[in-house]
N, C-alpha and C. Protein backbone atom coordinates (compact mmCIF):
# COMPACT_ATOMS: atom_id res chain seq x y z
N ALA A 1 0.95 -1.09 -0.09
CA ALA A 1 -0.10 -0.09 -0.14
C ALA A 1 0.85 1.17 -0.04
N VAL A 2 2.01 1.21 1.05
CA VAL A 2 3.00 2.29 0.65
C VAL A 2 3.41 2.75 -0.48
N GLY A 3 3.90 1.56 -1.35
CA GLY A 3 4.42 1.78 -2.64
C GLY A 3 3.46 2.21 -3.53
N ALA A 4 2.20 1.95 -3.45
CA ALA A 4 1.23 2.34 -4.34
C ALA A 4 0.79 3.94 -4.01
N LEU A 5 0.90 4.19 -2.55
CA LEU A 5 0.81 5.54 -2.31
C LEU A 5 1.92 6.45 -2.95
N LEU A 6 3.10 5.91 -3.02
CA LEU A 6 4.31 6.76 -3.33
C LEU A 6 4.07 6.80 -4.95
N LEU A 7 3.81 5.87 -5.83
CA LEU A 7 3.65 6.03 -7.12
C LEU A 7 2.49 6.85 -7.29
N VAL A 8 1.37 6.89 -6.86
CA VAL A 8 0.28 7.86 -6.93
C VAL A 8 0.82 9.39 -6.65
N SER A 9 1.65 9.42 -5.72
CA SER A 9 2.08 11.00 -5.37
C SER A 9 2.99 11.41 -6.45
N ALA A 10 3.90 10.57 -6.72
CA ALA A 10 5.07 10.90 -7.70
C ALA A 10 4.40 11.12 -8.93
N GLY A 11 3.20 10.50 -9.42
CA GLY A 11 2.63 10.93 -10.69
C GLY A 11 2.09 12.18 -10.53
N ALA A 12 1.44 12.54 -9.34
CA ALA A 12 0.73 13.96 -9.28
C ALA A 12 1.72 14.83 -9.15
N ALA A 13 2.71 14.75 -8.50
CA ALA A 13 3.96 15.73 -8.52
C ALA A 13 4.47 15.84 -10.00
N LEU A 14 4.49 14.91 -10.77
CA LEU A 14 5.04 15.12 -12.14
C LEU A 14 4.16 15.78 -13.02
N TYR A 15 2.73 15.60 -12.80
CA TYR A 15 1.54 15.63 -13.92
C TYR A 15 1.10 17.32 -13.46
N LEU A 16 0.73 17.48 -12.34
CA LEU A 16 0.12 18.75 -12.03
C LEU A 16 0.82 20.03 -12.45
N PRO A 17 2.15 20.09 -12.11
CA PRO A 17 2.82 21.43 -12.62
C PRO A 17 2.75 21.40 -14.31
N ALA A 18 3.01 20.52 -14.93
CA ALA A 18 3.16 20.31 -16.30
C ALA A 18 1.90 20.68 -16.93
N ASN A 19 0.78 20.33 -16.24
CA ASN A 19 -0.53 20.40 -16.53
C ASN A 19 -0.84 21.85 -16.47
N LYS A 20 -0.71 22.51 -15.30
CA LYS A 20 -0.88 23.92 -15.14
C LYS A 20 0.10 24.72 -16.24
N ALA A 21 1.21 24.62 -16.49
CA ALA A 21 2.15 25.05 -17.48
C ALA A 21 1.35 25.01 -18.94
N TYR A 22 0.95 23.66 -19.19
CA TYR A 22 0.20 23.66 -20.58
C TYR A 22 -1.13 24.39 -20.60
N LEU A 23 -1.79 24.52 -19.51
CA LEU A 23 -3.08 25.29 -19.41
C LEU A 23 -2.91 26.79 -19.59
N VAL A 24 -1.79 27.50 -19.18
CA VAL A 24 -1.59 28.90 -19.18
C VAL A 24 -0.69 29.19 -20.44
N GLU A 25 -0.32 28.43 -21.00
CA GLU A 25 0.49 28.66 -22.21
C GLU A 25 -0.37 29.48 -23.43
N GLY A 26 0.17 30.58 -23.74
CA GLY A 26 -0.85 31.44 -24.49
C GLY A 26 -1.90 32.07 -24.04
N VAL A 27 -2.13 32.28 -22.84
CA VAL A 27 -3.15 32.91 -22.08
C VAL A 27 -2.58 33.95 -21.51
N PRO A 28 -3.48 35.22 -21.75
CA PRO A 28 -2.92 36.70 -21.31
C PRO A 28 -2.59 36.48 -19.63
N ASP A 29 -1.77 37.13 -18.89
CA ASP A 29 -1.72 37.18 -17.56
C ASP A 29 -2.81 37.47 -16.80
N ALA A 30 -3.79 38.48 -17.38
CA ALA A 30 -4.95 38.63 -16.75
C ALA A 30 -5.72 37.60 -16.55
N GLY A 31 -5.92 36.62 -17.48
CA GLY A 31 -6.71 35.44 -17.52
C GLY A 31 -6.14 34.29 -16.83
N ARG A 32 -5.18 34.11 -16.45
CA ARG A 32 -4.53 33.10 -15.95
C ARG A 32 -5.21 32.59 -14.47
N PRO A 33 -5.24 33.49 -13.62
CA PRO A 33 -5.66 33.04 -12.32
C PRO A 33 -7.49 32.67 -12.63
N ARG A 34 -8.05 33.11 -13.41
CA ARG A 34 -9.45 32.68 -13.41
C ARG A 34 -9.32 31.11 -14.20
N LEU A 35 -8.46 30.97 -15.19
CA LEU A 35 -8.33 29.66 -15.82
C LEU A 35 -7.77 28.66 -14.55
N LEU A 36 -6.71 28.99 -14.13
CA LEU A 36 -6.28 28.07 -12.82
C LEU A 36 -7.32 27.89 -12.00
N SER A 37 -7.97 28.67 -11.36
CA SER A 37 -8.76 28.44 -10.59
C SER A 37 -10.28 27.57 -10.93
N ALA A 38 -10.43 27.72 -12.34
CA ALA A 38 -11.26 26.84 -12.81
C ALA A 38 -11.04 25.30 -13.00
N SER A 39 -9.45 25.31 -13.58
CA SER A 39 -8.99 23.92 -13.45
C SER A 39 -8.84 23.39 -12.09
N SER A 40 -8.28 23.93 -11.20
CA SER A 40 -8.35 23.44 -9.75
C SER A 40 -9.80 23.12 -9.09
N SER A 41 -10.82 23.76 -9.62
CA SER A 41 -12.30 23.47 -9.03
C SER A 41 -12.67 22.36 -9.55
N ALA A 42 -12.45 22.18 -11.12
CA ALA A 42 -12.72 20.81 -11.82
C ALA A 42 -12.10 19.65 -11.24
N PHE A 43 -10.82 19.92 -10.86
CA PHE A 43 -10.03 18.66 -10.55
C PHE A 43 -10.50 18.23 -9.14
N ASN A 44 -10.68 19.15 -8.24
CA ASN A 44 -11.34 18.93 -6.88
C ASN A 44 -12.65 18.20 -6.95
N ALA A 45 -13.62 18.72 -7.88
CA ALA A 45 -15.07 18.31 -7.99
C ALA A 45 -15.03 16.93 -8.50
N GLY A 46 -14.17 16.43 -9.33
CA GLY A 46 -13.73 15.19 -9.87
C GLY A 46 -13.37 14.32 -8.77
N MET A 47 -12.37 14.86 -7.88
CA MET A 47 -11.97 13.88 -6.73
C MET A 47 -12.95 13.63 -5.65
N ALA A 48 -13.89 14.66 -5.48
CA ALA A 48 -15.18 14.46 -4.59
C ALA A 48 -16.40 13.88 -5.05
N LEU A 49 -16.58 14.01 -6.68
CA LEU A 49 -17.93 13.33 -7.07
C LEU A 49 -17.68 12.10 -7.92
N GLY A 50 -16.23 11.96 -8.30
CA GLY A 50 -15.80 10.63 -8.80
C GLY A 50 -16.16 9.45 -8.46
N PRO A 51 -15.67 9.19 -7.03
CA PRO A 51 -16.12 7.96 -6.53
C PRO A 51 -17.54 7.55 -6.11
N PRO A 52 -18.29 8.58 -5.66
CA PRO A 52 -19.82 8.35 -5.66
C PRO A 52 -20.52 7.99 -6.81
N ALA A 53 -20.12 8.52 -8.18
CA ALA A 53 -20.50 8.44 -9.44
C ALA A 53 -19.89 7.13 -10.00
N ALA A 54 -18.93 6.44 -9.55
CA ALA A 54 -18.43 5.23 -10.17
C ALA A 54 -18.90 4.15 -9.26
N ALA A 55 -19.36 4.36 -8.07
CA ALA A 55 -19.46 3.36 -7.14
C ALA A 55 -20.74 2.15 -7.62
N PRO A 56 -21.88 2.61 -8.28
CA PRO A 56 -23.00 1.84 -8.81
C PRO A 56 -22.17 1.17 -9.96
N LEU A 57 -21.52 1.48 -10.80
CA LEU A 57 -20.59 0.82 -11.93
C LEU A 57 -19.74 -0.22 -11.37
N VAL A 58 -18.98 0.11 -10.19
CA VAL A 58 -17.98 -0.72 -9.69
C VAL A 58 -18.70 -1.99 -9.13
N LEU A 59 -19.74 -1.71 -8.53
CA LEU A 59 -20.67 -2.55 -7.71
C LEU A 59 -21.45 -3.41 -8.92
N GLY A 60 -21.72 -3.03 -9.63
CA GLY A 60 -22.83 -3.59 -10.72
C GLY A 60 -22.15 -4.24 -11.78
N SER A 61 -21.31 -3.50 -12.55
CA SER A 61 -20.70 -4.03 -13.58
C SER A 61 -19.27 -3.22 -14.15
N PRO A 62 -18.14 -3.81 -13.25
CA PRO A 62 -16.96 -3.02 -13.63
C PRO A 62 -16.41 -2.83 -14.95
N GLY A 63 -16.89 -3.72 -15.86
CA GLY A 63 -16.45 -3.63 -17.26
C GLY A 63 -16.91 -2.53 -17.98
N VAL A 64 -18.38 -1.88 -17.45
CA VAL A 64 -19.19 -0.93 -18.08
C VAL A 64 -18.14 0.37 -17.52
N LEU A 65 -17.67 0.17 -16.41
CA LEU A 65 -16.97 1.47 -15.79
C LEU A 65 -15.46 1.45 -16.66
N PHE A 66 -14.88 0.32 -16.79
CA PHE A 66 -13.68 0.47 -17.69
C PHE A 66 -13.70 1.00 -18.96
N ALA A 67 -14.87 0.60 -19.66
CA ALA A 67 -14.99 0.73 -20.90
C ALA A 67 -15.43 2.25 -21.06
N CYS A 68 -16.21 2.94 -20.19
CA CYS A 68 -16.51 4.15 -20.02
C CYS A 68 -15.24 5.24 -19.69
N VAL A 69 -14.28 4.77 -18.81
CA VAL A 69 -12.99 5.46 -18.66
C VAL A 69 -12.28 5.40 -20.02
N ALA A 70 -12.09 4.16 -20.67
CA ALA A 70 -11.43 3.90 -21.91
C ALA A 70 -11.87 4.92 -23.08
N GLY A 71 -13.30 5.21 -23.06
CA GLY A 71 -13.74 5.96 -24.00
C GLY A 71 -13.49 7.65 -23.61
N LEU A 72 -13.47 7.83 -22.38
CA LEU A 72 -13.11 9.22 -21.92
C LEU A 72 -11.42 9.65 -22.31
N PHE A 73 -10.80 8.46 -21.95
CA PHE A 73 -9.23 8.87 -22.41
C PHE A 73 -9.19 8.92 -23.80
N ALA A 74 -9.75 8.10 -24.57
CA ALA A 74 -9.60 8.14 -26.09
C ALA A 74 -10.14 9.61 -26.56
N LEU A 75 -11.35 10.00 -26.17
CA LEU A 75 -11.66 11.51 -26.42
C LEU A 75 -10.38 12.57 -25.89
N ILE A 76 -10.29 12.54 -24.91
CA ILE A 76 -9.10 13.42 -24.46
C ILE A 76 -7.88 13.18 -25.38
N GLY A 77 -7.40 11.93 -25.59
CA GLY A 77 -6.26 11.72 -26.41
C GLY A 77 -6.51 12.38 -28.03
N ALA A 78 -7.84 12.23 -28.41
CA ALA A 78 -7.98 12.70 -29.50
C ALA A 78 -8.17 14.21 -29.70
N GLY A 79 -8.68 14.81 -28.63
CA GLY A 79 -8.68 16.22 -28.49
C GLY A 79 -7.15 16.87 -28.33
N HIS A 80 -6.08 16.19 -27.93
CA HIS A 80 -5.05 16.82 -27.95
C HIS A 80 -4.17 16.45 -29.15
N ALA A 81 -4.65 15.59 -30.09
CA ALA A 81 -3.83 15.27 -31.21
C ALA A 81 -3.78 16.30 -32.27
């Protein structure tokens, strides 16, 4: 469990600063606080609402949950292409 916690923490430590830098690239200085606060709000909302939203899928049909997550990642990947 400690190793998994370290991996998750290391991933967040590498991803979050890079994500913020990517978000603000090309945004005027005046718009950056609003953009970063919206990004942080969305991240925190996902952390709070994700587990309760996924619980029925995990308990009922984990395959559906995995398919939904795979679809979301495919959409995100296509959006960044």
